[in-house]
Amino acid sequence: PGVRLDHWDYELLKRTALRHGTYYRLDRIGR
């Protein structure tokens, strides 16, 4: 019947964080 998992959409979560949360970009050295 399938394993039910929540779908965490990249674009939607990004927009939500920009409006209601906190946004960071991660660089190659982990900052």
PDB file of all heavy atoms in Angstrom:
ATOM      1  N   PRO A   1       0.793  -1.231   0.000  1.00  0.00           N
ATOM      2  CA  PRO A   1       0.000   0.000   0.000  1.00  0.00           C
ATOM      3  C   PRO A   1       0.822   1.276   0.000  1.00  0.00           C
ATOM      4  O   PRO A   1       0.266   2.362  -0.096  1.00  0.00           O
ATOM      5  CB  PRO A   1      -0.809  -0.122   1.292  1.00  0.00           C
ATOM      6  CG  PRO A   1       0.086  -0.884   2.204  1.00  0.00           C
ATOM      7  CD  PRO A   1       0.813  -1.873   1.332  1.00  0.00           C
ATOM      8  N   GLY A   2       2.137   1.149   0.145  1.00  0.00           N
ATOM      9  CA  GLY A   2       2.990   2.321   0.146  1.00  0.00           C
ATOM     10  C   GLY A   2       3.307   2.805   1.554  1.00  0.00           C
ATOM     11  O   GLY A   2       2.502   2.655   2.473  1.00  0.00           O
ATOM     12  N   VAL A   3       4.508   3.374   1.713  1.00  0.00           N
ATOM     13  CA  VAL A   3       4.912   3.959   2.990  1.00  0.00           C
ATOM     14  C   VAL A   3       4.566   5.444   2.942  1.00  0.00           C
ATOM     15  O   VAL A   3       5.091   6.190   2.124  1.00  0.00           O
ATOM     16  CB  VAL A   3       6.424   3.767   3.235  1.00  0.00           C
ATOM     17  CG1 VAL A   3       6.829   4.420   4.554  1.00  0.00           C
ATOM     18  CG2 VAL A   3       6.773   2.290   3.255  1.00  0.00           C
ATOM     19  N   ARG A   4       3.668   5.863   3.810  1.00  0.00           N
ATOM     20  CA  ARG A   4       3.221   7.254   3.799  1.00  0.00           C
ATOM     21  C   ARG A   4       4.242   8.148   4.499  1.00  0.00           C
ATOM     22  O   ARG A   4       4.561   7.953   5.662  1.00  0.00           O
ATOM     23  CB  ARG A   4       1.859   7.395   4.480  1.00  0.00           C
ATOM     24  CG  ARG A   4       1.265   8.791   4.382  1.00  0.00           C
ATOM     25  CD  ARG A   4      -0.069   8.873   5.112  1.00  0.00           C
ATOM     26  NE  ARG A   4       0.085   8.676   6.550  1.00  0.00           N
ATOM     27  CZ  ARG A   4       0.444   9.641   7.404  1.00  0.00           C
ATOM     28  NH1 ARG A   4       0.721  10.854   6.946  1.00  0.00           N
ATOM     29  NH2 ARG A   4       0.562   9.376   8.691  1.00  0.00           N
ATOM     30  N   LEU A   5       4.756   9.107   3.758  1.00  0.00           N
ATOM     31  CA  LEU A   5       5.684  10.087   4.305  1.00  0.00           C
ATOM     32  C   LEU A   5       5.179  11.487   4.008  1.00  0.00           C
ATOM     33  O   LEU A   5       4.591  11.736   2.949  1.00  0.00           O
ATOM     34  CB  LEU A   5       7.082   9.918   3.690  1.00  0.00           C
ATOM     35  CG  LEU A   5       7.807   8.603   3.956  1.00  0.00           C
ATOM     36  CD1 LEU A   5       9.121   8.572   3.191  1.00  0.00           C
ATOM     37  CD2 LEU A   5       8.057   8.410   5.446  1.00  0.00           C
ATOM     38  N   ASP A   6       5.408  12.408   4.942  1.00  0.00           N
ATOM     39  CA  ASP A   6       5.062  13.799   4.680  1.00  0.00           C
ATOM     40  C   ASP A   6       5.958  14.350   3.579  1.00  0.00           C
ATOM     41  O   ASP A   6       7.151  14.029   3.514  1.00  0.00           O
ATOM     42  CB  ASP A   6       5.239  14.642   5.943  1.00  0.00           C
ATOM     43  CG  ASP A   6       4.240  14.281   7.027  1.00  0.00           C
ATOM     44  OD1 ASP A   6       3.176  13.758   6.676  1.00  0.00           O
ATOM     45  OD2 ASP A   6       4.539  14.512   8.212  1.00  0.00           O
ATOM     46  N   HIS A   7       5.392  15.181   2.719  1.00  0.00           N
ATOM     47  CA  HIS A   7       6.155  15.800   1.631  1.00  0.00           C
ATOM     48  C   HIS A   7       6.581  17.199   2.058  1.00  0.00           C
ATOM     49  O   HIS A   7       5.745  18.057   2.286  1.00  0.00           O
ATOM     50  CB  HIS A   7       5.311  15.866   0.366  1.00  0.00           C
ATOM     51  CG  HIS A   7       6.036  16.510  -0.789  1.00  0.00           C
ATOM     52  ND1 HIS A   7       7.199  15.988  -1.326  1.00  0.00           N
ATOM     53  CD2 HIS A   7       5.779  17.638  -1.487  1.00  0.00           C
ATOM     54  CE1 HIS A   7       7.619  16.755  -2.307  1.00  0.00           C
ATOM     55  NE2 HIS A   7       6.773  17.772  -2.424  1.00  0.00           N
ATOM     56  N   TRP A   8       7.869  17.393   2.170  1.00  0.00           N
ATOM     57  CA  TRP A   8       8.419  18.693   2.575  1.00  0.00           C
ATOM     58  C   TRP A   8       8.948  19.390   1.323  1.00  0.00           C
ATOM     59  O   TRP A   8      10.073  19.182   0.906  1.00  0.00           O
ATOM     60  CB  TRP A   8       9.516  18.498   3.635  1.00  0.00           C
ATOM     61  CG  TRP A   8       8.925  18.077   4.945  1.00  0.00           C
ATOM     62  CD1 TRP A   8       8.297  16.900   5.232  1.00  0.00           C
ATOM     63  CD2 TRP A   8       8.874  18.850   6.140  1.00  0.00           C
ATOM     64  NE1 TRP A   8       7.856  16.887   6.529  1.00  0.00           N
ATOM     65  CE2 TRP A   8       8.199  18.069   7.114  1.00  0.00           C
ATOM     66  CE3 TRP A   8       9.339  20.123   6.483  1.00  0.00           C
ATOM     67  CZ2 TRP A   8       7.973  18.525   8.408  1.00  0.00           C
ATOM     68  CZ3 TRP A   8       9.121  20.577   7.778  1.00  0.00           C
ATOM     69  CH2 TRP A   8       8.439  19.778   8.728  1.00  0.00           C
ATOM     70  N   ASP A   9       8.093  20.217   0.738  1.00  0.00           N
ATOM     71  CA  ASP A   9       8.407  20.871  -0.528  1.00  0.00           C
ATOM     72  C   ASP A   9       9.448  21.974  -0.339  1.00  0.00           C
ATOM     73  O   ASP A   9       9.301  22.846   0.530  1.00  0.00           O
ATOM     74  CB  ASP A   9       7.128  21.453  -1.126  1.00  0.00           C
ATOM     75  CG  ASP A   9       7.366  22.119  -2.455  1.00  0.00           C
ATOM     76  OD1 ASP A   9       7.509  21.398  -3.456  1.00  0.00           O
ATOM     77  OD2 ASP A   9       7.436  23.369  -2.478  1.00  0.00           O
ATOM     78  N   TYR A  10      10.488  21.935  -1.158  1.00  0.00           N
ATOM     79  CA  TYR A  10      11.607  22.880  -1.026  1.00  0.00           C
ATOM     80  C   TYR A  10      11.144  24.330  -1.157  1.00  0.00           C
ATOM     81  O   TYR A  10      11.408  25.171  -0.283  1.00  0.00           O
ATOM     82  CB  TYR A  10      12.671  22.546  -2.074  1.00  0.00           C
ATOM     83  CG  TYR A  10      13.775  23.572  -2.206  1.00  0.00           C
ATOM     84  CD1 TYR A  10      14.870  23.559  -1.351  1.00  0.00           C
ATOM     85  CD2 TYR A  10      13.714  24.563  -3.184  1.00  0.00           C
ATOM     86  CE1 TYR A  10      15.884  24.502  -1.465  1.00  0.00           C
ATOM     87  CE2 TYR A  10      14.723  25.512  -3.314  1.00  0.00           C
ATOM     88  CZ  TYR A  10      15.798  25.474  -2.445  1.00  0.00           C
ATOM     89  OH  TYR A  10      16.792  26.417  -2.568  1.00  0.00           O
ATOM     90  N   GLU A  11      10.463  24.651  -2.244  1.00  0.00           N
ATOM     91  CA  GLU A  11      10.078  26.038  -2.497  1.00  0.00           C
ATOM     92  C   GLU A  11       9.085  26.547  -1.460  1.00  0.00           C
ATOM     93  O   GLU A  11       9.191  27.687  -0.979  1.00  0.00           O
ATOM     94  CB  GLU A  11       9.507  26.181  -3.906  1.00  0.00           C
ATOM     95  CG  GLU A  11      10.506  25.920  -5.027  1.00  0.00           C
ATOM     96  CD  GLU A  11      11.596  26.988  -5.112  1.00  0.00           C
ATOM     97  OE1 GLU A  11      11.465  28.034  -4.424  1.00  0.00           O
ATOM     98  OE2 GLU A  11      12.563  26.780  -5.844  1.00  0.00           O
ATOM     99  N   LEU A  12       8.125  25.725  -1.091  1.00  0.00           N
ATOM    100  CA  LEU A  12       7.127  26.142  -0.104  1.00  0.00           C
ATOM    101  C   LEU A  12       7.766  26.401   1.251  1.00  0.00           C
ATOM    102  O   LEU A  12       7.479  27.414   1.914  1.00  0.00           O
ATOM    103  CB  LEU A  12       6.035  25.083   0.005  1.00  0.00           C
ATOM    104  CG  LEU A  12       4.952  25.348   1.053  1.00  0.00           C
ATOM    105  CD1 LEU A  12       4.233  26.651   0.765  1.00  0.00           C
ATOM    106  CD2 LEU A  12       3.965  24.182   1.108  1.00  0.00           C
ATOM    107  N   LEU A  13       8.642  25.504   1.683  1.00  0.00           N
ATOM    108  CA  LEU A  13       9.309  25.690   2.974  1.00  0.00           C
ATOM    109  C   LEU A  13      10.209  26.917   2.958  1.00  0.00           C
ATOM    110  O   LEU A  13      10.303  27.653   3.944  1.00  0.00           O
ATOM    111  CB  LEU A  13      10.121  24.439   3.322  1.00  0.00           C
ATOM    112  CG  LEU A  13       9.329  23.256   3.856  1.00  0.00           C
ATOM    113  CD1 LEU A  13      10.204  22.023   3.928  1.00  0.00           C
ATOM    114  CD2 LEU A  13       8.766  23.575   5.241  1.00  0.00           C
ATOM    115  N   LYS A  14      10.864  27.152   1.842  1.00  0.00           N
ATOM    116  CA  LYS A  14      11.731  28.316   1.727  1.00  0.00           C
ATOM    117  C   LYS A  14      10.923  29.607   1.856  1.00  0.00           C
ATOM    118  O   LYS A  14      11.302  30.519   2.605  1.00  0.00           O
ATOM    119  CB  LYS A  14      12.477  28.264   0.385  1.00  0.00           C
ATOM    120  CG  LYS A  14      13.574  29.299   0.216  1.00  0.00           C
ATOM    121  CD  LYS A  14      14.356  28.985  -1.063  1.00  0.00           C
ATOM    122  CE  LYS A  14      15.527  29.924  -1.263  1.00  0.00           C
ATOM    123  NZ  LYS A  14      16.332  29.553  -2.440  1.00  0.00           N
ATOM    124  N   ARG A  15       9.804  29.680   1.154  1.00  0.00           N
ATOM    125  CA  ARG A  15       8.950  30.869   1.241  1.00  0.00           C
ATOM    126  C   ARG A  15       8.396  31.041   2.655  1.00  0.00           C
ATOM    127  O   ARG A  15       8.311  32.162   3.172  1.00  0.00           O
ATOM    128  CB  ARG A  15       7.803  30.766   0.237  1.00  0.00           C
ATOM    129  CG  ARG A  15       8.211  30.863  -1.211  1.00  0.00           C
ATOM    130  CD  ARG A  15       7.008  31.154  -2.105  1.00  0.00           C
ATOM    131  NE  ARG A  15       5.945  30.175  -1.963  1.00  0.00           N
ATOM    132  CZ  ARG A  15       5.844  29.073  -2.706  1.00  0.00           C
ATOM    133  NH1 ARG A  15       6.774  28.801  -3.640  1.00  0.00           N
ATOM    134  NH2 ARG A  15       4.838  28.241  -2.535  1.00  0.00           N
ATOM    135  N   THR A  16       8.014  29.927   3.282  1.00  0.00           N
ATOM    136  CA  THR A  16       7.477  30.003   4.634  1.00  0.00           C
ATOM    137  C   THR A  16       8.522  30.510   5.622  1.00  0.00           C
ATOM    138  O   THR A  16       8.224  31.329   6.499  1.00  0.00           O
ATOM    139  CB  THR A  16       6.962  28.622   5.082  1.00  0.00           C
ATOM    140  OG1 THR A  16       5.990  28.150   4.142  1.00  0.00           O
ATOM    141  CG2 THR A  16       6.322  28.690   6.458  1.00  0.00           C
ATOM    142  N   ALA A  17       9.760  30.051   5.477  1.00  0.00           N
ATOM    143  CA  ALA A  17      10.831  30.503   6.363  1.00  0.00           C
ATOM    144  C   ALA A  17      11.126  31.985   6.156  1.00  0.00           C
ATOM    145  O   ALA A  17      11.380  32.728   7.114  1.00  0.00           O
ATOM    146  CB  ALA A  17      12.090  29.677   6.133  1.00  0.00           C
ATOM    147  N   LEU A  18      11.101  32.433   4.920  1.00  0.00           N
ATOM    148  CA  LEU A  18      11.355  33.848   4.643  1.00  0.00           C
ATOM    149  C   LEU A  18      10.265  34.735   5.243  1.00  0.00           C
ATOM    150  O   LEU A  18      10.523  35.888   5.600  1.00  0.00           O
ATOM    151  CB  LEU A  18      11.451  34.071   3.130  1.00  0.00           C
ATOM    152  CG  LEU A  18      12.683  33.458   2.453  1.00  0.00           C
ATOM    153  CD1 LEU A  18      12.571  33.552   0.937  1.00  0.00           C
ATOM    154  CD2 LEU A  18      13.962  34.152   2.927  1.00  0.00           C
ATOM    155  N   ARG A  19       9.066  34.198   5.365  1.00  0.00           N
ATOM    156  CA  ARG A  19       7.946  34.979   5.902  1.00  0.00           C
ATOM    157  C   ARG A  19       7.784  34.817   7.404  1.00  0.00           C
ATOM    158  O   ARG A  19       7.514  35.788   8.116  1.00  0.00           O
ATOM    159  CB  ARG A  19       6.658  34.567   5.185  1.00  0.00           C
ATOM    160  CG  ARG A  19       5.430  35.345   5.632  1.00  0.00           C
ATOM    161  CD  ARG A  19       4.195  34.909   4.850  1.00  0.00           C
ATOM    162  NE  ARG A  19       3.008  35.609   5.305  1.00  0.00           N
ATOM    163  CZ  ARG A  19       1.779  35.368   4.871  1.00  0.00           C
ATOM    164  NH1 ARG A  19       1.577  34.430   3.955  1.00  0.00           N
ATOM    165  NH2 ARG A  19       0.750  36.044   5.346  1.00  0.00           N
ATOM    166  N   HIS A  20       7.938  33.585   7.909  1.00  0.00           N
ATOM    167  CA  HIS A  20       7.607  33.315   9.307  1.00  0.00           C
ATOM    168  C   HIS A  20       8.789  32.802  10.131  1.00  0.00           C
ATOM    169  O   HIS A  20       8.635  32.631  11.345  1.00  0.00           O
ATOM    170  CB  HIS A  20       6.485  32.271   9.385  1.00  0.00           C
ATOM    171  CG  HIS A  20       5.206  32.692   8.740  1.00  0.00           C
ATOM    172  ND1 HIS A  20       4.380  33.658   9.271  1.00  0.00           N
ATOM    173  CD2 HIS A  20       4.616  32.286   7.586  1.00  0.00           C
ATOM    174  CE1 HIS A  20       3.325  33.819   8.488  1.00  0.00           C
ATOM    175  NE2 HIS A  20       3.440  32.994   7.460  1.00  0.00           N
ATOM    176  N   GLY A  21       9.913  32.515   9.504  1.00  0.00           N
ATOM    177  CA  GLY A  21      11.016  31.903  10.236  1.00  0.00           C
ATOM    178  C   GLY A  21      12.340  32.588   9.981  1.00  0.00           C
ATOM    179  O   GLY A  21      12.422  33.809   9.839  1.00  0.00           O
ATOM    180  N   THR A  22      13.387  31.769   9.891  1.00  0.00           N
ATOM    181  CA  THR A  22      14.754  32.259   9.703  1.00  0.00           C
ATOM    182  C   THR A  22      15.380  31.515   8.535  1.00  0.00           C
ATOM    183  O   THR A  22      15.210  30.297   8.409  1.00  0.00           O
ATOM    184  CB  THR A  22      15.598  32.027  10.975  1.00  0.00           C
ATOM    185  OG1 THR A  22      14.931  32.615  12.094  1.00  0.00           O
ATOM    186  CG2 THR A  22      16.976  32.647  10.830  1.00  0.00           C
ATOM    187  N   TYR A  23      16.112  32.258   7.710  1.00  0.00           N
ATOM    188  CA  TYR A  23      16.731  31.676   6.516  1.00  0.00           C
ATOM    189  C   TYR A  23      18.243  31.856   6.572  1.00  0.00           C
ATOM    190  O   TYR A  23      18.740  32.944   6.880  1.00  0.00           O
ATOM    191  CB  TYR A  23      16.189  32.358   5.256  1.00  0.00           C
ATOM    192  CG  TYR A  23      16.902  31.937   3.972  1.00  0.00           C
ATOM    193  CD1 TYR A  23      16.416  30.887   3.205  1.00  0.00           C
ATOM    194  CD2 TYR A  23      18.067  32.585   3.547  1.00  0.00           C
ATOM    195  CE1 TYR A  23      17.061  30.490   2.037  1.00  0.00           C
ATOM    196  CE2 TYR A  23      18.721  32.197   2.389  1.00  0.00           C
ATOM    197  CZ  TYR A  23      18.217  31.161   1.636  1.00  0.00           C
ATOM    198  OH  TYR A  23      18.868  30.769   0.493  1.00  0.00           O
ATOM    199  N   TYR A  24      18.984  30.775   6.261  1.00  0.00           N
ATOM    200  CA  TYR A  24      20.438  30.831   6.099  1.00  0.00           C
ATOM    201  C   TYR A  24      20.807  30.035   4.851  1.00  0.00           C
ATOM    202  O   TYR A  24      20.118  29.096   4.469  1.00  0.00           O
ATOM    203  CB  TYR A  24      21.171  30.193   7.288  1.00  0.00           C
ATOM    204  CG  TYR A  24      20.987  30.882   8.613  1.00  0.00           C
ATOM    205  CD1 TYR A  24      20.108  30.352   9.561  1.00  0.00           C
ATOM    206  CD2 TYR A  24      21.684  32.042   8.927  1.00  0.00           C
ATOM    207  CE1 TYR A  24      19.936  30.965  10.795  1.00  0.00           C
ATOM    208  CE2 TYR A  24      21.517  32.658  10.153  1.00  0.00           C
ATOM    209  CZ  TYR A  24      20.638  32.126  11.082  1.00  0.00           C
ATOM    210  OH  TYR A  24      20.463  32.727  12.291  1.00  0.00           O
ATOM    211  N   ARG A  25      21.919  30.434   4.261  1.00  0.00           N
ATOM    212  CA  ARG A  25      22.527  29.615   3.208  1.00  0.00           C
ATOM    213  C   ARG A  25      23.788  28.995   3.786  1.00  0.00           C
ATOM    214  O   ARG A  25      24.568  29.658   4.471  1.00  0.00           O
ATOM    215  CB  ARG A  25      22.865  30.462   1.975  1.00  0.00           C
ATOM    216  CG  ARG A  25      23.498  29.656   0.835  1.00  0.00           C
ATOM    217  CD  ARG A  25      23.795  30.548  -0.366  1.00  0.00           C
ATOM    218  NE  ARG A  25      24.623  31.688  -0.026  1.00  0.00           N
ATOM    219  CZ  ARG A  25      25.958  31.642   0.114  1.00  0.00           C
ATOM    220  NH1 ARG A  25      26.593  30.502  -0.062  1.00  0.00           N
ATOM    221  NH2 ARG A  25      26.632  32.719   0.413  1.00  0.00           N
ATOM    222  N   LEU A  26      23.991  27.704   3.507  1.00  0.00           N
ATOM    223  CA  LEU A  26      25.138  26.959   4.018  1.00  0.00           C
ATOM    224  C   LEU A  26      26.250  26.960   2.978  1.00  0.00           C
ATOM    225  O   LEU A  26      25.996  26.681   1.808  1.00  0.00           O
ATOM    226  CB  LEU A  26      24.718  25.520   4.324  1.00  0.00           C
ATOM    227  CG  LEU A  26      25.745  24.564   4.934  1.00  0.00           C
ATOM    228  CD1 LEU A  26      26.157  25.037   6.316  1.00  0.00           C
ATOM    229  CD2 LEU A  26      25.153  23.151   5.012  1.00  0.00           C
ATOM    230  N   ASP A  27      27.478  27.308   3.388  1.00  0.00           N
ATOM    231  CA  ASP A  27      28.571  27.299   2.415  1.00  0.00           C
ATOM    232  C   ASP A  27      29.344  25.980   2.482  1.00  0.00           C
ATOM    233  O   ASP A  27      29.024  25.072   3.257  1.00  0.00           O
ATOM    234  CB  ASP A  27      29.495  28.515   2.590  1.00  0.00           C
ATOM    235  CG  ASP A  27      30.248  28.530   3.921  1.00  0.00           C
ATOM    236  OD1 ASP A  27      30.418  27.455   4.525  1.00  0.00           O
ATOM    237  OD2 ASP A  27      30.669  29.619   4.359  1.00  0.00           O
ATOM    238  N   ARG A  28      30.380  25.887   1.661  1.00  0.00           N
ATOM    239  CA  ARG A  28      31.132  24.626   1.539  1.00  0.00           C
ATOM    240  C   ARG A  28      31.913  24.270   2.794  1.00  0.00           C
ATOM    241  O   ARG A  28      32.276  23.109   2.995  1.00  0.00           O
ATOM    242  CB  ARG A  28      32.089  24.718   0.356  1.00  0.00           C
ATOM    243  CG  ARG A  28      31.405  24.808  -1.017  1.00  0.00           C
ATOM    244  CD  ARG A  28      30.790  23.493  -1.421  1.00  0.00           C
ATOM    245  NE  ARG A  28      30.203  23.538  -2.768  1.00  0.00           N
ATOM    246  CZ  ARG A  28      29.496  22.546  -3.292  1.00  0.00           C
ATOM    247  NH1 ARG A  28      29.286  21.437  -2.613  1.00  0.00           N
ATOM    248  NH2 ARG A  28      28.989  22.661  -4.518  1.00  0.00           N
ATOM    249  N   ILE A  29      32.218  25.258   3.637  1.00  0.00           N
ATOM    250  CA  ILE A  29      32.990  24.971   4.852  1.00  0.00           C
ATOM    251  C   ILE A  29      32.096  24.892   6.083  1.00  0.00           C
ATOM    252  O   ILE A  29      32.580  24.821   7.209  1.00  0.00           O
ATOM    253  CB  ILE A  29      34.119  25.995   5.066  1.00  0.00           C
ATOM    254  CG1 ILE A  29      33.552  27.402   5.258  1.00  0.00           C
ATOM    255  CG2 ILE A  29      35.090  25.957   3.898  1.00  0.00           C
ATOM    256  CD1 ILE A  29      34.625  28.426   5.657  1.00  0.00           C
ATOM    257  N   GLY A  30      30.779  24.903   5.874  1.00  0.00           N
ATOM    258  CA  GLY A  30      29.857  24.671   6.967  1.00  0.00           C
ATOM    259  C   GLY A  30      29.424  25.888   7.737  1.00  0.00           C
ATOM    260  O   GLY A  30      28.836  25.764   8.818  1.00  0.00           O
ATOM    261  N   ARG A  31      29.668  27.094   7.214  1.00  0.00           N
ATOM    262  CA  ARG A  31      29.203  28.308   7.880  1.00  0.00           C
ATOM    263  C   ARG A  31      27.872  28.764   7.293  1.00  0.00           C
ATOM    264  O   ARG A  31      27.544  28.459   6.150  1.00  0.00           O
ATOM    265  CB  ARG A  31      30.248  29.422   7.780  1.00  0.00           C
ATOM    266  CG  ARG A  31      31.453  29.169   8.702  1.00  0.00           C
ATOM    267  CD  ARG A  31      32.462  30.297   8.649  1.00  0.00           C
ATOM    268  NE  ARG A  31      33.487  30.124   9.661  1.00  0.00           N
ATOM    269  CZ  ARG A  31      33.558  30.795  10.803  1.00  0.00           C
ATOM    270  NH1 ARG A  31      32.645  31.708  11.085  1.00  0.00           N
ATOM    271  NH2 ARG A  31      34.538  30.589  11.660  1.00  0.00           N
TER     272      ARG A  31
END
